[in-house]
Amino acid sequence: MHAKTDSEVTSLAASSPPRSPPRRPVYYVMSPTHSHPDGDRVSFGGSSPGASPVNPHYHHPHHHRYASSPIHHSRESSTTRLSASVNLKYNSSWRKLESHHHLHPGAAASSGCSDSEDDDDSPVPVRCYVVWFVLGFVLLFTLFSLILWGASKSYKPRILVKGVVFQSYDIHAGTDITGVPTKMLSINSTVKIAFRNPATFFGIHVSSTPLDIYYSELKIATGNMKEFYQSRKSGRTVVVVVAGRQVPLYGGGVGLRSRTEDGGAPAVVPLELHFTVRARAYVLGHLVKSKFYRRVRCSMTLREERIGEPLHLSDSCKYRG
């Protein structure tokens, strides 16, 4: 082959038609796997892959590999598109959440009717008014009930044991239900109790424990008071029968005697009367109730020569409670 002269090259260049412009757009491919001492190189691509814009006929080996590998280019493009899609969906969801939070800041606490500054322009739900009304009513009713209960405590019922009358008193020898010989006592009496309800706005239900008469520690007579209702600002006198029939004395009644037993002088017997009065006041139906307890203990002396005469106990009783 012969080397071409300058004139031939010039005529060849002049006669050759101009190169058509590249049909594919210029693209850039970075080489992430290889580093070069002179920095990262950028490859440009046009119609012929791997060609440099400075020297179209120069082909770098790495550039040629990346430019001529459509699989690698497609993988990078897919990864980029997937990452962008995920970021777009995440940002869109976050914007929706933020916008919902700003538009409805009290949505989480709306059921609790919270007083938030951001809710000044929003209407208050009807259920909030209902809840507030119920709570206010409960508080007012509780306060009113406490006031009534405290006021009722200042109206304690008044109890006074007016006296006792011993109708009979007798001691004689006998045997108990098991056949053991011992002294047997029989006694009969009536106790008068005055009761008054000073309350101006409620009535009371009155009951009592059994009325017991003791000689020392030995119970010799008992009686029950019937329950009754006492209206406001009223009073009554209650008569209770307290009696004992054929009460075995055993060793506890050694000091007891009677004229009918030995024919001697009339007997003088120290006794005590014990009972507790209970009163229940329904101030506001069964919702507000007050209870009163009054313990009564009376000292008295039975004189056999005064059987059948009233014995006054107004100054001989102690009241507690």
Protein backbone atom coordinates (compact mmCIF):
# COMPACT_ATOMS: atom_id res chain seq x y z
CA MET A 1 0.00 0.00 0.00
CA HIS A 2 1.16 3.57 -0.75
CA ALA A 3 0.91 6.47 1.64
CA LYS A 4 -1.53 9.07 0.55
CA THR A 5 -0.27 12.53 -0.14
CA ASP A 6 -1.62 15.70 1.32
CA SER A 7 -3.46 16.57 -1.86
CA GLU A 8 -5.23 13.22 -1.89
CA VAL A 9 -6.27 13.56 1.69
CA THR A 10 -7.56 17.07 1.04
CA SER A 11 -9.54 16.01 -2.02
CA LEU A 12 -10.91 12.98 -0.18
CA ALA A 13 -12.08 15.09 2.68
CA ALA A 14 -13.67 17.60 0.32
CA SER A 15 -15.43 15.00 -1.75
CA SER A 16 -16.72 12.94 1.15
CA PRO A 17 -20.26 13.89 2.25
CA PRO A 18 -20.70 15.52 5.66
CA ARG A 19 -21.30 13.17 8.65
CA SER A 20 -24.86 12.90 9.73
CA PRO A 21 -25.60 14.14 13.25
CA PRO A 22 -25.89 11.46 15.96
CA ARG A 23 -29.33 9.97 16.34
CA ARG A 24 -28.95 9.07 20.08
CA PRO A 25 -28.65 11.72 22.76
CA VAL A 26 -25.38 12.25 24.50
CA TYR A 27 -25.17 10.28 27.77
CA TYR A 28 -22.69 10.11 30.60
CA VAL A 29 -21.55 6.98 32.38
CA MET A 30 -19.51 7.07 35.57
CA SER A 31 -17.13 4.22 36.35
CA PRO A 32 -17.81 3.27 40.00
CA THR A 33 -15.59 0.14 40.07
CA HIS A 34 -12.28 1.63 38.88
CA SER A 35 -10.40 4.58 40.20
CA HIS A 36 -7.75 6.38 38.18
CA PRO A 37 -4.93 8.49 39.47
CA ASP A 38 -6.05 11.48 37.50
CA GLY A 39 -9.57 11.47 38.98
CA ASP A 40 -12.90 10.11 37.86
CA ARG A 41 -13.25 9.97 34.17
CA VAL A 42 -16.47 10.75 32.39
CA SER A 43 -17.30 8.98 29.15
CA PHE A 44 -19.49 10.56 26.55
CA GLY A 45 -21.56 8.59 24.13
CA GLY A 46 -22.99 9.55 20.83
CA SER A 47 -23.81 7.53 17.75
CA SER A 48 -20.75 5.32 18.24
CA PRO A 49 -20.49 3.95 21.81
CA GLY A 50 -17.26 4.54 23.67
CA ALA A 51 -16.15 7.47 21.46
CA SER A 52 -14.63 10.52 23.09
CA PRO A 53 -15.93 13.94 22.07
CA VAL A 54 -12.33 15.11 21.66
CA ASN A 55 -11.24 12.16 19.64
CA PRO A 56 -14.19 10.32 18.14
CA HIS A 57 -12.00 7.38 17.12
CA TYR A 58 -10.53 6.91 20.64
CA HIS A 59 -11.98 4.04 22.61
CA HIS A 60 -11.16 3.70 26.30
CA PRO A 61 -11.42 0.11 27.45
CA HIS A 62 -13.50 0.87 30.51
CA HIS A 63 -15.66 3.33 28.69
CA HIS A 64 -16.27 0.86 25.97
CA ARG A 65 -17.34 -1.76 28.47
CA TYR A 66 -19.86 0.47 30.20
CA ALA A 67 -21.13 2.01 27.01
CA SER A 68 -21.54 -1.30 25.23
CA SER A 69 -23.28 -2.96 28.23
CA PRO A 70 -27.01 -2.27 28.00
CA ILE A 71 -27.68 -4.74 30.87
CA HIS A 72 -25.66 -2.71 33.35
CA HIS A 73 -27.25 0.51 32.18
CA SER A 74 -30.74 -0.98 32.50
CA ARG A 75 -29.98 -2.27 36.05
CA GLU A 76 -28.82 1.13 37.20
CA SER A 77 -31.84 2.82 35.63
CA SER A 78 -34.23 0.34 37.34
CA THR A 79 -32.58 0.85 40.73
CA THR A 80 -32.76 4.61 40.36
CA ARG A 81 -36.41 4.50 39.37
CA LEU A 82 -37.31 2.14 42.28
CA SER A 83 -35.51 4.36 44.79
CA ALA A 84 -37.24 7.46 43.48
CA SER A 85 -40.63 5.74 43.60
CA VAL A 86 -40.13 4.65 47.24
CA ASN A 87 -39.00 8.13 48.25
CA LEU A 88 -41.97 9.68 46.47
CA LYS A 89 -44.46 7.37 48.25
CA TYR A 90 -42.80 7.94 51.66
CA ASN A 91 -42.82 11.72 51.22
CA SER A 92 -46.44 11.65 50.05
CA SER A 93 -47.53 9.56 53.06
CA TRP A 94 -45.65 11.81 55.47
CA ARG A 95 -47.23 14.94 53.94
CA LYS A 96 -50.70 13.40 54.30
CA LEU A 97 -50.01 12.51 57.96
CA GLU A 98 -48.72 16.01 58.70
CA SER A 99 -51.65 17.65 56.96
CA HIS A 100 -54.12 15.43 58.88
CA HIS A 101 -52.38 16.31 62.14
CA HIS A 102 -52.51 20.02 61.41
CA LEU A 103 -56.12 19.90 60.27
CA HIS A 104 -57.31 17.72 63.16
CA PRO A 105 -54.95 18.28 66.10
CA GLY A 106 -57.55 17.11 68.65
CA ALA A 107 -58.75 14.03 66.81
CA ALA A 108 -57.05 11.66 69.26
CA ALA A 109 -58.49 13.45 72.26
CA SER A 110 -61.89 14.36 70.81
CA SER A 111 -63.57 11.57 72.73
CA GLY A 112 -62.24 13.05 75.96
CA CYS A 113 -63.49 16.60 75.19
CA SER A 114 -60.05 18.15 75.72
CA ASP A 115 -59.73 21.92 75.79
CA SER A 116 -57.07 22.56 73.16
CA GLU A 117 -56.16 26.01 71.85
CA ASP A 118 -56.31 24.73 68.27
CA ASP A 119 -59.95 23.70 68.79
CA ASP A 120 -61.25 27.18 69.58
CA ASP A 121 -62.98 27.47 66.22
CA SER A 122 -64.36 23.91 66.17
CA PRO A 123 -67.80 23.24 67.72
CA VAL A 124 -67.97 21.32 71.02
CA PRO A 125 -69.61 17.89 70.61
CA VAL A 126 -72.96 17.31 72.28
CA ARG A 127 -71.59 14.39 74.27
CA CYS A 128 -69.18 16.79 75.99
CA TYR A 129 -72.11 18.84 77.30
CA VAL A 130 -73.78 15.64 78.48
CA VAL A 131 -70.65 14.48 80.31
CA TRP A 132 -70.15 17.89 81.92
CA PHE A 133 -73.80 18.02 82.98
CA VAL A 134 -73.64 14.55 84.56
CA LEU A 135 -70.40 15.33 86.39
CA GLY A 136 -71.75 18.65 87.62
CA PHE A 137 -74.97 17.03 88.78
CA VAL A 138 -73.07 14.31 90.65
CA LEU A 139 -70.83 16.85 92.35
CA LEU A 140 -73.74 19.08 93.36
CA PHE A 141 -75.79 16.13 94.59
CA THR A 142 -72.84 14.81 96.60
CA LEU A 143 -72.28 18.23 98.16
CA PHE A 144 -75.97 18.59 98.94
CA SER A 145 -76.06 15.10 100.48
CA LEU A 146 -73.04 15.85 102.67
CA ILE A 147 -74.69 19.04 103.88
CA LEU A 148 -77.90 17.18 104.75
CA TRP A 149 -75.97 14.39 106.45
CA GLY A 150 -73.96 16.84 108.52
CA ALA A 151 -77.09 18.78 109.46
CA SER A 152 -78.87 15.60 110.53
CA LYS A 153 -76.08 14.75 112.98
CA SER A 154 -76.99 17.78 115.06
CA TYR A 155 -80.50 16.38 115.66
CA LYS A 156 -79.73 13.46 117.91
CA PRO A 157 -82.80 11.74 119.39
CA ARG A 158 -83.40 12.36 123.08
CA ILE A 159 -83.88 9.40 125.40
CA LEU A 160 -84.88 9.47 129.04
CA VAL A 161 -85.59 6.48 131.30
CA LYS A 162 -88.35 7.86 133.49
CA GLY A 163 -88.72 5.01 135.95
CA VAL A 164 -89.37 1.39 136.72
CA VAL A 165 -92.09 -0.42 138.64
CA PHE A 166 -91.46 -3.85 140.20
CA GLN A 167 -94.73 -5.80 140.27
CA SER A 168 -93.36 -9.00 141.85
CA TYR A 169 -90.23 -10.42 143.39
CA ASP A 170 -89.85 -13.98 144.72
CA ILE A 171 -87.05 -16.43 145.57
CA HIS A 172 -87.67 -20.07 146.46
CA ALA A 173 -85.89 -23.38 146.31
CA GLY A 174 -86.21 -25.52 143.20
CA THR A 175 -84.41 -27.47 140.49
CA ASP A 176 -83.28 -26.48 137.01
CA ILE A 177 -84.19 -28.34 133.81
CA THR A 178 -81.43 -30.89 134.42
CA GLY A 179 -82.61 -31.66 137.95
CA VAL A 180 -79.86 -29.79 139.83
CA PRO A 181 -81.25 -28.26 143.06
CA THR A 182 -80.73 -24.48 143.35
CA LYS A 183 -82.52 -21.28 144.23
CA MET A 184 -85.01 -20.07 141.64
CA LEU A 185 -85.90 -16.38 141.14
CA SER A 186 -88.97 -14.84 139.56
CA ILE A 187 -89.28 -11.11 138.95
CA ASN A 188 -91.62 -8.89 136.97
CA SER A 189 -91.23 -5.17 136.18
CA THR A 190 -92.07 -2.46 133.65
CA VAL A 191 -89.70 0.25 132.43
CA LYS A 192 -90.91 3.61 131.08
CA ILE A 193 -88.76 5.30 128.45
CA ALA A 194 -89.45 8.75 127.01
CA PHE A 195 -88.30 9.24 123.43
CA ARG A 196 -88.28 12.43 121.34
CA ASN A 197 -87.21 13.28 117.79
CA PRO A 198 -86.07 16.95 117.61
CA ALA A 199 -85.37 16.89 113.84
CA THR A 200 -87.30 19.39 111.75
CA PHE A 201 -87.01 17.71 108.32
CA PHE A 202 -86.85 13.92 108.80
CA GLY A 203 -88.40 11.10 110.80
CA ILE A 204 -86.57 8.21 112.43
CA HIS A 205 -87.02 4.47 112.90
CA VAL A 206 -86.28 3.43 116.48
CA SER A 207 -85.29 0.01 117.78
CA SER A 208 -83.41 -1.28 120.78
CA THR A 209 -81.33 -4.15 122.07
CA PRO A 210 -82.97 -6.27 124.79
CA LEU A 211 -83.40 -4.50 128.12
CA ASP A 212 -81.52 -6.60 130.68
CA ILE A 213 -81.53 -6.36 134.48
CA TYR A 214 -78.41 -7.66 136.21
CA TYR A 215 -77.58 -8.58 139.77
CA SER A 216 -73.82 -8.22 139.81
CA GLU A 217 -72.86 -10.24 136.67
CA LEU A 218 -75.95 -12.42 136.72
CA LYS A 219 -78.78 -11.55 134.35
CA ILE A 220 -82.08 -12.09 136.13
CA ALA A 221 -84.60 -10.38 133.79
CA THR A 222 -84.89 -9.29 130.14
CA GLY A 223 -87.39 -7.55 127.85
CA ASN A 224 -87.73 -6.36 124.23
CA MET A 225 -88.88 -3.02 122.94
CA LYS A 226 -90.89 -3.04 119.73
CA GLU A 227 -89.55 -1.02 116.81
CA PHE A 228 -91.49 2.12 115.95
CA TYR A 229 -91.36 5.17 113.70
CA GLN A 230 -91.11 8.63 115.18
CA SER A 231 -92.04 11.56 112.95
CA ARG A 232 -90.23 14.90 113.01
CA LYS A 233 -90.53 17.16 116.05
CA SER A 234 -92.55 14.64 118.06
CA GLY A 235 -92.11 12.29 121.00
CA ARG A 236 -93.67 9.39 122.90
CA THR A 237 -93.35 7.28 126.04
CA VAL A 238 -92.63 3.59 125.61
CA VAL A 239 -93.39 0.97 128.27
CA VAL A 240 -91.33 -2.23 128.14
CA VAL A 241 -91.97 -5.32 130.23
CA VAL A 242 -88.75 -6.71 131.75
CA ALA A 243 -89.24 -9.99 133.55
CA GLY A 244 -87.58 -13.24 134.58
CA ARG A 245 -89.36 -16.50 135.41
CA GLN A 246 -87.78 -19.38 137.28
CA VAL A 247 -84.21 -18.15 136.78
CA PRO A 248 -81.69 -20.55 138.40
CA LEU A 249 -79.24 -18.63 140.62
CA TYR A 250 -76.66 -21.33 141.29
CA GLY A 251 -73.62 -19.85 143.05
CA GLY A 252 -74.04 -16.35 141.64
CA GLY A 253 -77.12 -15.58 143.70
CA VAL A 254 -75.79 -16.44 147.13
CA GLY A 255 -76.51 -12.94 148.43
CA LEU A 256 -80.06 -12.88 147.12
CA ARG A 257 -82.93 -13.51 149.48
CA SER A 258 -86.60 -12.63 149.88
CA ARG A 259 -89.08 -12.31 152.73
CA THR A 260 -91.23 -15.00 151.18
CA GLU A 261 -88.26 -17.41 151.29
CA ASP A 262 -87.11 -17.05 154.92
CA GLY A 263 -89.87 -14.92 156.47
CA GLY A 264 -87.39 -12.28 157.51
CA ALA A 265 -87.09 -8.57 156.81
CA PRO A 266 -87.88 -7.18 153.37
CA ALA A 267 -84.99 -7.67 150.96
CA VAL A 268 -82.97 -4.80 149.47
CA VAL A 269 -81.39 -5.80 146.15
CA PRO A 270 -79.03 -3.56 144.07
CA LEU A 271 -79.67 -3.96 140.32
CA GLU A 272 -78.56 -2.47 136.99
CA LEU A 273 -80.46 -1.91 133.77
CA HIS A 274 -78.55 -2.09 130.43
CA PHE A 275 -79.73 -1.48 126.87
CA THR A 276 -78.85 0.41 123.68
CA VAL A 277 -81.30 2.42 121.58
CA ARG A 278 -80.71 2.54 117.82
CA ALA A 279 -82.26 5.11 115.49
CA ARG A 280 -82.09 5.32 111.69
CA ALA A 281 -82.96 8.51 109.85
CA TYR A 282 -83.69 8.45 106.10
CA VAL A 283 -82.84 12.07 105.35
CA LEU A 284 -83.10 11.77 101.55
CA GLY A 285 -84.74 8.42 100.99
CA HIS A 286 -82.29 5.54 101.12
CA LEU A 287 -79.57 7.68 99.49
CA VAL A 288 -78.74 9.73 102.59
CA LYS A 289 -79.07 7.91 105.92
CA SER A 290 -78.01 8.78 109.45
CA LYS A 291 -77.66 6.35 112.35
CA PHE A 292 -77.74 7.14 116.04
CA TYR A 293 -76.75 4.94 118.97
CA ARG A 294 -77.52 5.67 122.60
CA ARG A 295 -76.17 3.38 125.32
CA VAL A 296 -78.08 3.50 128.57
CA ARG A 297 -76.99 2.20 131.94
CA CYS A 298 -79.17 2.75 135.03
CA SER A 299 -78.47 1.87 138.65
CA MET A 300 -81.47 1.09 140.86
CA THR A 301 -82.40 -0.58 144.12
CA LEU A 302 -85.25 -3.02 144.54
CA ARG A 303 -86.92 -2.69 147.93
CA GLU A 304 -89.25 -5.51 148.73
CA GLU A 305 -91.50 -3.38 150.93
CA ARG A 306 -92.15 -1.02 147.95
CA ILE A 307 -93.27 -3.61 145.43
CA GLY A 308 -95.77 -2.03 143.05
CA GLU A 309 -94.55 1.55 143.60
CA PRO A 310 -92.79 3.48 140.81
CA LEU A 311 -89.08 4.03 141.20
CA HIS A 312 -87.82 7.21 139.52
CA LEU A 313 -84.58 6.83 137.55
CA SER A 314 -84.21 10.27 135.97
CA ASP A 315 -81.02 10.97 137.91
CA SER A 316 -79.75 7.39 138.09
CA CYS A 317 -78.97 6.71 134.42
CA LYS A 318 -75.91 7.38 132.23
CA TYR A 319 -76.25 7.96 128.51
CA ARG A 320 -73.41 7.51 126.03
CA GLY A 321 -73.21 7.86 122.28
